[in-house]
Amino acid sequence: MRSLMQKLEALAGTDELTQLPNRRTWDIQIEMMLATARRYRQPIAVALFDLDHFKQFNDSYGHPEGDRLLREVAVLIKSRMRQSDLFARFGGEEFVLALMDCNLDQAAARIESLRGNLPDQQTFSVGVTVWLEGERIHSTLARADKALYLAKNGGRDRVVSVEPPAPGRRPEAAD
């Protein structure tokens, strides 16, 4: 019975299509990651990925091909991540990545190295930032989302980094 419960919990926390953690699992695992980062005073870079023109791809080639593309993108990106990183599907064609012990420049370089390797000449837009100790993760995600918006409005197929608030400006305090 216990094994069945563990399997059900794993299924509930996994995106069925990509086999990546889902948003629910991300929410739990990122808090554990933040606790580790606080303890060891390590930076965490957070990136939001969005596949460019995915709706058009789906409309042109059909949902089965869109699903295949999502699976292949997930496999490619996951294969390039370290065990300490957290990669999840947020929904639709959006993914989130947290890179432990990684500053903004390192994160942007790692993500840039993925460009051009996606299947079917697919491109992505990415917004990346760094979590500040004491900041709520939703504030970090909002900043990454702002960077993603800038990437999309800047022509897509790019990585845009947004610096965290200046040291003099206090980030939103954690609970």
Protein backbone atom coordinates (compact mmCIF):
# COMPACT_ATOMS: atom_id res chain seq x y z
CA MET A 1 0.00 0.00 0.00
CA ARG A 2 2.83 2.38 0.86
CA SER A 3 4.49 1.75 -2.52
CA LEU A 4 1.22 2.55 -4.29
CA MET A 5 0.89 5.81 -2.35
CA GLN A 6 4.46 6.78 -3.28
CA LYS A 7 3.73 6.06 -6.94
CA LEU A 8 0.57 8.16 -6.81
CA GLU A 9 2.43 11.04 -5.16
CA ALA A 10 5.13 10.86 -7.84
CA LEU A 11 2.50 10.89 -10.58
CA ALA A 12 0.73 13.87 -9.01
CA GLY A 13 3.98 15.83 -9.02
CA THR A 14 5.10 14.99 -12.55
CA ASP A 15 4.01 16.50 -15.83
CA GLU A 16 2.64 13.53 -17.74
CA LEU A 17 3.82 14.69 -21.17
CA THR A 18 7.42 15.70 -20.42
CA GLN A 19 8.04 13.66 -17.26
CA LEU A 20 9.42 16.82 -15.65
CA PRO A 21 8.34 18.08 -12.26
CA ASN A 22 5.12 20.07 -12.52
CA ARG A 23 4.35 23.44 -10.94
CA ARG A 24 3.21 21.82 -7.69
CA THR A 25 6.48 19.93 -7.33
CA TRP A 26 8.48 23.01 -8.34
CA ASP A 27 6.85 24.97 -5.51
CA ILE A 28 7.97 22.36 -2.98
CA GLN A 29 11.43 21.68 -4.38
CA ILE A 30 12.37 25.33 -4.90
CA GLU A 31 11.73 26.02 -1.20
CA MET A 32 14.16 23.23 -0.30
CA MET A 33 16.66 24.63 -2.78
CA LEU A 34 16.32 28.11 -1.28
CA ALA A 35 16.92 26.72 2.21
CA THR A 36 20.15 25.12 0.98
CA ALA A 37 21.19 28.34 -0.75
CA ARG A 38 20.57 30.33 2.44
CA ARG A 39 22.53 27.86 4.54
CA TYR A 40 25.56 27.83 2.24
CA ARG A 41 25.16 31.41 0.98
CA GLN A 42 24.94 30.33 -2.65
CA PRO A 43 23.27 32.24 -5.45
CA ILE A 44 20.41 30.74 -7.43
CA ALA A 45 19.64 31.86 -10.96
CA VAL A 46 16.04 31.48 -12.11
CA ALA A 47 15.04 31.35 -15.77
CA LEU A 48 11.67 31.19 -17.50
CA PHE A 49 11.69 29.57 -20.97
CA ASP A 50 8.96 29.99 -23.55
CA LEU A 51 9.02 28.23 -26.92
CA ASP A 52 8.65 30.82 -29.66
CA HIS A 53 5.58 30.60 -31.91
CA PHE A 54 4.54 27.29 -30.37
CA LYS A 55 0.86 27.87 -31.11
CA GLN A 56 1.70 28.28 -34.80
CA PHE A 57 3.75 25.07 -34.68
CA ASN A 58 0.80 23.22 -33.12
CA ASP A 59 -1.62 24.69 -35.66
CA SER A 60 0.65 23.82 -38.59
CA TYR A 61 1.78 20.33 -37.60
CA GLY A 62 -0.88 19.18 -35.14
CA HIS A 63 -0.95 18.52 -31.42
CA PRO A 64 0.87 15.15 -31.57
CA GLU A 65 3.85 16.91 -33.20
CA GLY A 66 3.59 19.73 -30.65
CA ASP A 67 3.67 17.15 -27.86
CA ARG A 68 6.70 15.48 -29.44
CA LEU A 69 8.47 18.83 -29.64
CA LEU A 70 7.76 19.59 -25.97
CA ARG A 71 9.12 16.18 -24.96
CA GLU A 72 12.27 16.63 -27.05
CA VAL A 73 12.91 20.12 -25.69
CA ALA A 74 12.46 18.82 -22.14
CA VAL A 75 14.90 15.95 -22.75
CA LEU A 76 17.48 18.25 -24.35
CA ILE A 77 17.45 20.86 -21.60
CA LYS A 78 17.32 18.29 -18.81
CA SER A 79 20.32 16.49 -20.31
CA ARG A 80 22.37 19.69 -20.00
CA MET A 81 21.48 20.41 -16.38
CA ARG A 82 23.40 19.45 -13.27
CA GLN A 83 21.86 17.24 -10.62
CA SER A 84 21.62 20.25 -8.29
CA ASP A 85 19.50 22.22 -10.80
CA LEU A 86 15.71 22.18 -10.84
CA PHE A 87 13.92 22.09 -14.20
CA ALA A 88 10.12 21.97 -14.41
CA ARG A 89 7.25 22.50 -16.80
CA PHE A 90 5.10 25.41 -15.72
CA GLY A 91 2.43 24.68 -18.29
CA GLY A 92 1.80 25.04 -22.01
CA GLU A 93 5.11 25.80 -23.67
CA GLU A 94 6.62 27.42 -20.58
CA PHE A 95 9.40 25.89 -18.49
CA VAL A 96 11.29 27.12 -15.43
CA LEU A 97 14.86 26.42 -14.44
CA ALA A 98 16.64 27.11 -11.15
CA LEU A 99 20.43 26.89 -11.24
CA MET A 100 22.08 26.34 -7.86
CA ASP A 101 25.33 28.19 -7.12
CA CYS A 102 25.08 30.10 -10.39
CA ASN A 103 25.30 33.86 -10.90
CA LEU A 104 23.52 35.83 -13.61
CA ASP A 105 26.37 35.78 -16.14
CA GLN A 106 26.98 32.06 -15.67
CA ALA A 107 23.28 31.31 -16.05
CA ALA A 108 22.94 33.38 -19.22
CA ALA A 109 25.99 31.64 -20.72
CA ARG A 110 24.66 28.17 -19.87
CA ILE A 111 21.26 28.98 -21.36
CA GLU A 112 22.79 30.58 -24.47
CA SER A 113 24.68 27.33 -25.08
CA LEU A 114 21.32 25.59 -25.59
CA ARG A 115 20.24 27.90 -28.41
CA GLY A 116 20.52 26.36 -31.83
CA ASN A 117 20.28 22.84 -30.43
CA LEU A 118 16.50 22.63 -30.29
CA PRO A 119 14.69 20.23 -32.64
CA ASP A 120 12.77 21.38 -35.74
CA GLN A 121 14.61 24.73 -35.90
CA GLN A 122 12.57 25.70 -32.84
CA THR A 123 13.70 28.75 -30.89
CA PHE A 124 12.97 29.94 -27.39
CA SER A 125 12.86 33.16 -25.46
CA VAL A 126 14.26 33.19 -21.93
CA GLY A 127 14.14 35.61 -19.05
CA VAL A 128 16.75 35.08 -16.36
CA THR A 129 17.48 36.71 -13.01
CA VAL A 130 19.02 35.86 -9.65
CA TRP A 131 17.21 35.17 -6.38
CA LEU A 132 18.22 37.47 -3.54
CA GLU A 133 18.49 36.07 -0.03
CA GLY A 134 15.41 37.14 1.90
CA GLU A 135 13.34 37.59 -1.24
CA ARG A 136 10.14 35.64 -1.87
CA ILE A 137 10.50 33.33 -4.83
CA HIS A 138 7.40 34.80 -6.48
CA SER A 139 9.27 38.14 -6.66
CA THR A 140 12.19 36.42 -8.36
CA LEU A 141 9.80 34.72 -10.79
CA ALA A 142 8.09 38.04 -11.51
CA ARG A 143 11.48 39.54 -12.40
CA ALA A 144 12.29 36.54 -14.64
CA ASP A 145 8.88 36.95 -16.26
CA LYS A 146 9.65 40.63 -16.92
CA ALA A 147 12.91 39.57 -18.60
CA LEU A 148 11.00 36.96 -20.64
CA TYR A 149 8.58 39.67 -21.77
CA LEU A 150 11.55 41.80 -22.87
CA ALA A 151 13.02 38.83 -24.78
CA LYS A 152 9.75 38.24 -26.62
CA ASN A 153 9.21 41.91 -27.40
CA GLY A 154 12.84 42.24 -28.48
CA GLY A 155 12.32 39.83 -31.36
CA ARG A 156 12.25 36.44 -29.61
CA ASP A 157 14.98 33.79 -29.90
CA ARG A 158 17.05 35.45 -27.20
CA VAL A 159 18.04 35.35 -23.56
CA VAL A 160 17.44 38.52 -21.54
CA SER A 161 18.92 38.96 -18.07
CA VAL A 162 17.48 41.28 -15.44
CA GLU A 163 19.59 42.25 -12.46
CA PRO A 164 18.00 41.97 -9.01
CA PRO A 165 17.26 45.19 -7.11
CA ALA A 166 20.27 47.24 -6.05
CA PRO A 167 21.65 46.45 -2.57
CA GLY A 168 20.19 49.69 -1.20
CA ARG A 169 16.69 48.62 -2.22
CA ARG A 170 15.30 45.99 0.09
CA PRO A 171 13.72 42.99 -1.69
CA GLU A 172 10.31 41.85 -0.55
CA ALA A 173 10.88 39.98 2.70
CA ALA A 174 10.16 36.28 2.97
CA ASP A 175 7.50 34.97 5.31
